């Protein structure tokens, strides 16, 4: 199997443009990329390493790269509520989080929309596995508008 990085880059750019549009970010693919990365990095801190590996096995190469960028396997964070998860997303977004994520309501909308968009790549079984491993108050993050 030959690696075609040009193809991966083209797929990533197409995805990011669609993602930005779905997130109502017009053509701001930079912001869309930061939000996507922050959400995926926060998710990997909450789910088990095994679930992360099962999840990324379903991703196309460009999403795998985003997910694993900077990843160090460590003890999972004790995130139990959506506000805690949003704070973790903001941490990963860094200094731009004030601009990128705004209110908790907007951040939660971005999280919900991200899971809806990622549903294209993730099987229902894997989504159910992820949902099962989440704390009670975060389960809606996966089910809300995604499962069916």
N, C-alpha and C. Protein backbone atom coordinates (compact mmCIF):
# COMPACT_ATOMS: atom_id res chain seq x y z
N UNK A 1 0.84 -1.18 0.00
CA UNK A 1 0.00 0.00 0.00
C UNK A 1 0.89 1.24 0.00
N UNK A 2 0.73 2.04 -0.99
CA UNK A 2 1.48 3.29 -1.08
C UNK A 2 0.73 4.37 -0.32
N UNK A 3 1.47 5.21 0.38
CA UNK A 3 0.85 6.33 1.08
C UNK A 3 0.75 7.51 0.12
N UNK A 4 -0.44 8.04 0.00
CA UNK A 4 -0.67 9.15 -0.90
C UNK A 4 -1.03 10.38 -0.06
N UNK A 5 -0.01 11.10 0.39
CA UNK A 5 -0.24 12.23 1.27
C UNK A 5 -0.99 13.36 0.59
N UNK A 6 -0.85 13.47 -0.71
CA UNK A 6 -1.60 14.49 -1.44
C UNK A 6 -3.10 14.20 -1.34
N UNK A 7 -3.46 12.93 -1.48
CA UNK A 7 -4.86 12.54 -1.35
C UNK A 7 -5.37 12.79 0.07
N UNK A 8 -4.56 12.44 1.08
CA UNK A 8 -4.96 12.68 2.47
C UNK A 8 -5.21 14.16 2.71
N UNK A 9 -4.33 15.00 2.18
CA UNK A 9 -4.47 16.44 2.36
C UNK A 9 -5.72 16.96 1.67
N UNK A 10 -5.99 16.46 0.47
CA UNK A 10 -7.20 16.88 -0.26
C UNK A 10 -8.46 16.48 0.50
N UNK A 11 -8.49 15.24 1.01
CA UNK A 11 -9.64 14.77 1.79
C UNK A 11 -9.81 15.61 3.05
N UNK A 12 -8.71 15.93 3.70
CA UNK A 12 -8.77 16.74 4.92
C UNK A 12 -9.31 18.13 4.62
N UNK A 13 -8.85 18.74 3.57
CA UNK A 13 -9.33 20.08 3.21
C UNK A 13 -10.81 20.08 2.85
N UNK A 14 -11.24 19.05 2.13
CA UNK A 14 -12.66 18.94 1.80
C UNK A 14 -13.49 18.77 3.07
N UNK A 15 -13.04 17.88 3.95
CA UNK A 15 -13.74 17.66 5.21
C UNK A 15 -13.81 18.96 6.02
N UNK A 16 -12.69 19.65 6.14
CA UNK A 16 -12.64 20.85 6.96
C UNK A 16 -13.56 21.95 6.42
N UNK A 17 -13.66 22.07 5.12
CA UNK A 17 -14.58 23.05 4.53
C UNK A 17 -16.02 22.71 4.86
N UNK A 18 -16.38 21.42 4.74
CA UNK A 18 -17.74 20.99 5.08
C UNK A 18 -18.00 21.15 6.57
N UNK A 19 -17.02 20.80 7.37
CA UNK A 19 -17.13 20.92 8.83
C UNK A 19 -17.36 22.38 9.22
N UNK A 20 -16.58 23.29 8.66
CA UNK A 20 -16.74 24.72 8.96
C UNK A 20 -18.14 25.19 8.57
N UNK A 21 -18.62 24.74 7.44
CA UNK A 21 -19.96 25.13 6.99
C UNK A 21 -21.03 24.60 7.95
N UNK A 22 -20.92 23.34 8.35
CA UNK A 22 -21.88 22.74 9.28
C UNK A 22 -21.84 23.41 10.65
N UNK A 23 -20.70 23.92 11.03
CA UNK A 23 -20.54 24.59 12.32
C UNK A 23 -20.92 26.07 12.24
N UNK A 24 -21.42 26.52 11.09
CA UNK A 24 -21.78 27.92 10.86
C UNK A 24 -20.58 28.85 11.03
N UNK A 25 -19.43 28.38 10.56
CA UNK A 25 -18.21 29.18 10.65
C UNK A 25 -17.81 29.75 9.29
N UNK A 26 -18.76 29.73 8.34
CA UNK A 26 -18.52 30.22 6.99
C UNK A 26 -17.30 29.52 6.40
N UNK A 27 -16.25 30.28 6.13
CA UNK A 27 -15.05 29.70 5.51
C UNK A 27 -13.87 29.72 6.46
N UNK A 28 -14.14 29.85 7.75
CA UNK A 28 -13.05 29.93 8.74
C UNK A 28 -12.57 28.52 9.10
N UNK A 29 -11.81 27.92 8.18
CA UNK A 29 -11.33 26.56 8.40
C UNK A 29 -10.26 26.50 9.49
N UNK A 30 -9.58 27.60 9.74
CA UNK A 30 -8.60 27.62 10.84
C UNK A 30 -9.30 27.41 12.18
N UNK A 31 -10.37 28.18 12.39
CA UNK A 31 -11.13 28.04 13.63
C UNK A 31 -11.78 26.66 13.70
N UNK A 32 -12.33 26.20 12.60
CA UNK A 32 -12.96 24.88 12.57
C UNK A 32 -11.95 23.80 12.94
N UNK A 33 -10.75 23.91 12.43
CA UNK A 33 -9.71 22.94 12.74
C UNK A 33 -9.32 22.96 14.20
N UNK A 34 -9.23 24.16 14.78
CA UNK A 34 -8.89 24.25 16.21
C UNK A 34 -9.99 23.64 17.07
N UNK A 35 -11.24 23.92 16.73
CA UNK A 35 -12.38 23.38 17.50
C UNK A 35 -12.42 21.86 17.38
N UNK A 36 -12.29 21.35 16.16
CA UNK A 36 -12.29 19.90 15.95
C UNK A 36 -11.18 19.23 16.75
N UNK A 37 -10.00 19.76 16.66
CA UNK A 37 -8.85 19.21 17.37
C UNK A 37 -9.07 19.22 18.87
N UNK A 38 -9.57 20.33 19.40
CA UNK A 38 -9.80 20.46 20.84
C UNK A 38 -10.85 19.46 21.33
N UNK A 39 -11.91 19.28 20.55
CA UNK A 39 -12.96 18.34 20.94
C UNK A 39 -12.43 16.91 20.92
N UNK A 40 -11.70 16.55 19.87
CA UNK A 40 -11.16 15.19 19.78
C UNK A 40 -10.13 14.93 20.88
N UNK A 41 -9.31 15.91 21.18
CA UNK A 41 -8.30 15.73 22.23
C UNK A 41 -8.95 15.62 23.61
N UNK A 42 -10.01 16.38 23.84
CA UNK A 42 -10.73 16.26 25.10
C UNK A 42 -11.39 14.88 25.21
N UNK A 43 -11.98 14.42 24.11
CA UNK A 43 -12.61 13.10 24.11
C UNK A 43 -11.60 12.00 24.45
N UNK A 44 -10.42 12.05 23.86
CA UNK A 44 -9.43 11.00 24.12
C UNK A 44 -8.95 11.01 25.56
N UNK A 45 -9.10 12.16 26.25
CA UNK A 45 -8.75 12.22 27.67
C UNK A 45 -9.82 11.61 28.56
N UNK A 46 -11.02 11.44 28.02
CA UNK A 46 -12.14 10.96 28.82
C UNK A 46 -12.40 9.48 28.60
N UNK A 47 -12.19 9.01 27.37
CA UNK A 47 -12.45 7.59 27.09
C UNK A 47 -11.16 6.78 27.30
N UNK A 48 -11.32 5.48 27.39
CA UNK A 48 -10.16 4.63 27.63
C UNK A 48 -9.26 4.59 26.40
N UNK A 49 -8.03 4.21 26.62
CA UNK A 49 -7.08 4.07 25.51
C UNK A 49 -7.59 3.03 24.52
N UNK A 50 -8.14 1.94 25.03
CA UNK A 50 -8.69 0.89 24.15
C UNK A 50 -9.80 1.45 23.27
N UNK A 51 -10.72 2.23 23.87
CA UNK A 51 -11.79 2.83 23.07
C UNK A 51 -11.23 3.82 22.05
N UNK A 52 -10.20 4.57 22.45
CA UNK A 52 -9.57 5.49 21.50
C UNK A 52 -9.03 4.74 20.29
N UNK A 53 -8.37 3.63 20.54
CA UNK A 53 -7.79 2.85 19.43
C UNK A 53 -8.89 2.28 18.54
N UNK A 54 -9.97 1.82 19.15
CA UNK A 54 -11.08 1.30 18.35
C UNK A 54 -11.73 2.42 17.54
N UNK A 55 -11.83 3.61 18.14
CA UNK A 55 -12.41 4.75 17.45
C UNK A 55 -11.56 5.16 16.25
N UNK A 56 -10.27 5.35 16.47
CA UNK A 56 -9.44 5.84 15.37
C UNK A 56 -9.25 4.79 14.27
N UNK A 57 -9.48 3.53 14.59
CA UNK A 57 -9.39 2.52 13.54
C UNK A 57 -10.45 2.74 12.47
N UNK A 58 -11.51 3.47 12.81
CA UNK A 58 -12.59 3.74 11.86
C UNK A 58 -12.41 5.07 11.13
N UNK A 59 -11.50 5.90 11.62
CA UNK A 59 -11.28 7.21 11.02
C UNK A 59 -10.46 7.13 9.75
N UNK A 60 -10.70 8.04 8.82
CA UNK A 60 -9.78 8.18 7.70
C UNK A 60 -8.45 8.75 8.22
N UNK A 61 -7.41 8.64 7.42
CA UNK A 61 -6.07 9.02 7.86
C UNK A 61 -6.00 10.45 8.41
N UNK A 62 -6.65 11.40 7.78
CA UNK A 62 -6.53 12.78 8.24
C UNK A 62 -7.13 12.98 9.62
N UNK A 63 -8.21 12.26 9.96
CA UNK A 63 -8.78 12.37 11.31
C UNK A 63 -7.93 11.62 12.33
N UNK A 64 -7.33 10.52 11.91
CA UNK A 64 -6.40 9.82 12.81
C UNK A 64 -5.28 10.76 13.21
N UNK A 65 -4.75 11.49 12.24
CA UNK A 65 -3.64 12.40 12.51
C UNK A 65 -4.05 13.48 13.51
N UNK A 66 -5.24 14.03 13.35
CA UNK A 66 -5.72 15.06 14.28
C UNK A 66 -5.86 14.46 15.68
N UNK A 67 -6.45 13.29 15.75
CA UNK A 67 -6.72 12.64 17.04
C UNK A 67 -5.44 12.34 17.82
N UNK A 68 -4.45 11.80 17.15
CA UNK A 68 -3.24 11.36 17.86
C UNK A 68 -2.18 12.44 18.01
N UNK A 69 -2.34 13.57 17.34
CA UNK A 69 -1.35 14.63 17.43
C UNK A 69 -1.12 15.06 18.89
N UNK A 70 0.09 14.88 19.36
CA UNK A 70 0.45 15.28 20.72
C UNK A 70 -0.03 14.34 21.81
N UNK A 71 -0.55 13.19 21.46
CA UNK A 71 -1.15 12.27 22.42
C UNK A 71 -0.08 11.58 23.26
N UNK A 72 -0.25 11.64 24.55
CA UNK A 72 0.53 10.82 25.47
C UNK A 72 -0.48 10.05 26.31
N UNK A 73 -0.29 8.77 26.38
CA UNK A 73 -1.24 7.93 27.12
C UNK A 73 -1.03 8.18 28.61
N UNK A 74 -2.12 8.55 29.25
CA UNK A 74 -2.06 8.87 30.68
C UNK A 74 -3.37 8.45 31.34
N UNK A 75 -3.42 8.58 32.62
CA UNK A 75 -4.63 8.27 33.37
C UNK A 75 -5.77 9.16 32.88
N UNK A 76 -6.94 8.57 32.72
CA UNK A 76 -8.09 9.31 32.22
C UNK A 76 -8.51 10.39 33.21
N UNK A 77 -8.97 11.50 32.67
CA UNK A 77 -9.43 12.61 33.50
C UNK A 77 -10.82 12.30 34.05
N UNK A 78 -11.09 12.78 35.24
CA UNK A 78 -12.38 12.57 35.91
C UNK A 78 -13.33 13.69 35.49
N UNK A 79 -13.85 13.58 34.30
CA UNK A 79 -14.80 14.55 33.77
C UNK A 79 -16.18 13.94 33.90
N UNK A 80 -17.07 14.60 34.63
CA UNK A 80 -18.38 14.00 34.90
C UNK A 80 -19.54 14.81 34.34
N UNK A 81 -19.32 16.07 33.99
CA UNK A 81 -20.41 16.91 33.52
C UNK A 81 -20.03 17.60 32.22
N UNK A 82 -21.04 18.08 31.51
CA UNK A 82 -20.77 18.80 30.27
C UNK A 82 -19.95 20.08 30.52
N UNK A 83 -20.25 20.87 31.55
CA UNK A 83 -19.39 22.04 31.80
C UNK A 83 -17.92 21.66 32.02
N UNK A 84 -17.66 20.53 32.69
CA UNK A 84 -16.28 20.06 32.87
C UNK A 84 -15.65 19.68 31.53
N UNK A 85 -16.44 19.02 30.68
CA UNK A 85 -15.93 18.63 29.37
C UNK A 85 -15.65 19.88 28.53
N UNK A 86 -16.54 20.84 28.58
CA UNK A 86 -16.33 22.09 27.83
C UNK A 86 -15.06 22.79 28.32
N UNK A 87 -14.84 22.79 29.61
CA UNK A 87 -13.60 23.38 30.15
C UNK A 87 -12.37 22.65 29.61
N UNK A 88 -12.45 21.33 29.49
CA UNK A 88 -11.34 20.56 28.94
C UNK A 88 -11.13 20.89 27.46
N UNK A 89 -12.21 21.03 26.72
CA UNK A 89 -12.11 21.44 25.31
C UNK A 89 -11.43 22.81 25.23
N UNK A 90 -11.86 23.72 26.09
CA UNK A 90 -11.25 25.07 26.09
C UNK A 90 -9.75 24.99 26.41
N UNK A 91 -9.39 24.11 27.33
CA UNK A 91 -7.98 23.94 27.67
C UNK A 91 -7.18 23.52 26.44
N UNK A 92 -7.72 22.59 25.68
CA UNK A 92 -7.03 22.14 24.47
C UNK A 92 -7.03 23.20 23.37
N UNK A 93 -8.03 24.04 23.34
CA UNK A 93 -8.07 25.10 22.33
C UNK A 93 -7.09 26.22 22.68
N UNK A 94 -6.75 26.32 23.95
CA UNK A 94 -5.74 27.29 24.38
C UNK A 94 -6.24 28.73 24.38
N UNK A 95 -5.34 29.64 24.08
CA UNK A 95 -5.66 31.07 24.19
C UNK A 95 -6.74 31.50 23.21
N UNK A 96 -6.96 30.75 22.15
CA UNK A 96 -8.00 31.12 21.19
C UNK A 96 -9.39 30.68 21.63
N UNK A 97 -9.48 29.96 22.74
CA UNK A 97 -10.79 29.42 23.16
C UNK A 97 -11.81 30.52 23.45
N UNK A 98 -11.36 31.65 23.92
CA UNK A 98 -12.29 32.76 24.18
C UNK A 98 -12.98 33.16 22.89
N UNK A 99 -12.21 33.22 21.83
CA UNK A 99 -12.77 33.58 20.52
C UNK A 99 -13.49 32.40 19.88
N UNK A 100 -12.90 31.22 19.98
CA UNK A 100 -13.43 30.06 19.26
C UNK A 100 -14.69 29.48 19.86
N UNK A 101 -14.76 29.40 21.17
CA UNK A 101 -15.83 28.65 21.81
C UNK A 101 -16.90 29.50 22.47
N UNK A 102 -16.61 30.75 22.75
CA UNK A 102 -17.62 31.65 23.30
C UNK A 102 -18.33 31.09 24.51
N UNK A 103 -19.65 31.10 24.47
CA UNK A 103 -20.46 30.65 25.59
C UNK A 103 -20.46 29.13 25.70
N UNK A 104 -20.87 28.65 26.88
CA UNK A 104 -21.01 27.20 27.07
C UNK A 104 -22.03 26.63 26.09
N UNK A 105 -23.08 27.39 25.81
CA UNK A 105 -24.11 26.93 24.88
C UNK A 105 -23.53 26.74 23.48
N UNK A 106 -22.73 27.69 23.03
CA UNK A 106 -22.10 27.56 21.72
C UNK A 106 -21.13 26.38 21.70
N UNK A 107 -20.34 26.25 22.74
CA UNK A 107 -19.38 25.14 22.82
C UNK A 107 -20.11 23.80 22.79
N UNK A 108 -21.20 23.68 23.52
CA UNK A 108 -21.96 22.43 23.53
C UNK A 108 -22.56 22.16 22.15
N UNK A 109 -23.00 23.20 21.47
CA UNK A 109 -23.51 23.05 20.12
C UNK A 109 -22.41 22.54 19.18
N UNK A 110 -21.21 23.06 19.32
CA UNK A 110 -20.08 22.59 18.51
C UNK A 110 -19.78 21.13 18.79
N UNK A 111 -19.85 20.73 20.06
CA UNK A 111 -19.59 19.34 20.43
C UNK A 111 -20.65 18.42 19.81
N UNK A 112 -21.92 18.80 19.95
CA UNK A 112 -23.01 18.00 19.37
C UNK A 112 -22.86 17.89 17.86
N UNK A 113 -22.59 19.00 17.21
CA UNK A 113 -22.45 19.01 15.75
C UNK A 113 -21.26 18.17 15.31
N UNK A 114 -20.18 18.21 16.08
CA UNK A 114 -19.00 17.42 15.74
C UNK A 114 -19.33 15.93 15.75
N UNK A 115 -20.06 15.47 16.75
CA UNK A 115 -20.42 14.05 16.80
C UNK A 115 -21.36 13.69 15.66
N UNK A 116 -22.25 14.58 15.30
CA UNK A 116 -23.15 14.32 14.17
C UNK A 116 -22.33 14.15 12.88
N UNK A 117 -21.37 15.01 12.69
CA UNK A 117 -20.53 14.96 11.48
C UNK A 117 -19.64 13.72 11.50
N UNK A 118 -19.07 13.39 12.65
CA UNK A 118 -18.19 12.23 12.75
C UNK A 118 -18.95 10.91 12.59
N UNK A 119 -20.26 10.94 12.75
CA UNK A 119 -21.09 9.74 12.60
C UNK A 119 -20.86 9.08 11.24
N UNK A 120 -20.48 9.87 10.25
CA UNK A 120 -20.19 9.34 8.91
C UNK A 120 -19.09 8.28 8.96
N UNK A 121 -18.19 8.41 9.91
CA UNK A 121 -17.03 7.52 10.00
C UNK A 121 -17.12 6.49 11.10
N UNK A 122 -18.00 6.69 12.07
CA UNK A 122 -18.04 5.85 13.27
C UNK A 122 -19.28 4.96 13.23
N UNK A 123 -19.09 3.68 13.43
CA UNK A 123 -20.22 2.75 13.44
C UNK A 123 -21.10 3.00 14.67
N UNK A 124 -22.35 2.57 14.56
CA UNK A 124 -23.26 2.68 15.71
C UNK A 124 -22.74 1.89 16.90
N UNK A 125 -22.15 0.74 16.63
CA UNK A 125 -21.61 -0.07 17.72
C UNK A 125 -20.50 0.65 18.47
N UNK A 126 -19.62 1.30 17.73
CA UNK A 126 -18.53 2.04 18.38
C UNK A 126 -19.07 3.24 19.15
N UNK A 127 -20.06 3.92 18.58
CA UNK A 127 -20.67 5.04 19.31
C UNK A 127 -21.30 4.55 20.62
N UNK A 128 -21.94 3.40 20.56
CA UNK A 128 -22.55 2.84 21.77
C UNK A 128 -21.47 2.47 22.78
N UNK A 129 -20.36 1.92 22.32
CA UNK A 129 -19.25 1.59 23.22
C UNK A 129 -18.71 2.85 23.90
N UNK A 130 -18.54 3.90 23.13
CA UNK A 130 -18.04 5.16 23.70
C UNK A 130 -19.04 5.70 24.70
N UNK A 131 -20.31 5.69 24.31
CA UNK A 131 -21.37 6.20 25.18
C UNK A 131 -21.41 5.42 26.50
N UNK A 132 -21.29 4.11 26.42
CA UNK A 132 -21.33 3.26 27.61
C UNK A 132 -20.22 3.64 28.59
N UNK A 133 -19.06 4.01 28.07
CA UNK A 133 -17.92 4.33 28.93
C UNK A 133 -17.94 5.74 29.49
N UNK A 134 -18.85 6.58 29.00
CA UNK A 134 -18.91 7.96 29.49
C UNK A 134 -19.68 8.06 30.80
N UNK A 135 -19.33 9.04 31.64
CA UNK A 135 -20.13 9.29 32.84
C UNK A 135 -21.57 9.64 32.46
N UNK A 136 -22.47 9.36 33.36
CA UNK A 136 -23.91 9.54 33.13
C UNK A 136 -24.25 10.90 32.52
N UNK A 137 -23.68 11.96 33.03
CA UNK A 137 -24.03 13.30 32.57
C UNK A 137 -23.37 13.69 31.24
N UNK A 138 -22.55 12.81 30.67
CA UNK A 138 -21.96 13.07 29.36
C UNK A 138 -22.52 12.17 28.26
N UNK A 139 -23.34 11.21 28.62
CA UNK A 139 -23.86 10.25 27.64
C UNK A 139 -24.63 10.95 26.52
N UNK A 140 -25.33 12.03 26.82
CA UNK A 140 -26.11 12.73 25.80
C UNK A 140 -25.22 13.32 24.71
N UNK A 141 -23.95 13.52 25.02
CA UNK A 141 -23.00 14.07 24.03
C UNK A 141 -22.95 13.15 22.81
N UNK A 142 -23.07 11.86 23.01
CA UNK A 142 -22.99 10.91 21.92
C UNK A 142 -24.37 10.62 21.35
N UNK A 143 -25.35 10.44 22.17
CA UNK A 143 -26.67 10.04 21.67
C UNK A 143 -27.43 11.14 20.98
N UNK A 144 -27.31 12.33 21.48
CA UNK A 144 -28.10 13.44 20.99
C UNK A 144 -27.95 13.59 19.48
N UNK A 145 -28.96 13.24 18.73
CA UNK A 145 -29.03 13.39 17.28
C UNK A 145 -28.04 12.54 16.50
N UNK A 146 -27.33 11.62 17.14
CA UNK A 146 -26.25 10.92 16.45
C UNK A 146 -26.58 9.48 16.15
N UNK A 147 -27.17 8.80 17.06
CA UNK A 147 -27.26 7.35 16.96
C UNK A 147 -28.10 6.86 15.78
N UNK A 148 -29.11 7.58 15.40
CA UNK A 148 -29.98 7.06 14.34
C UNK A 148 -30.22 8.04 13.24
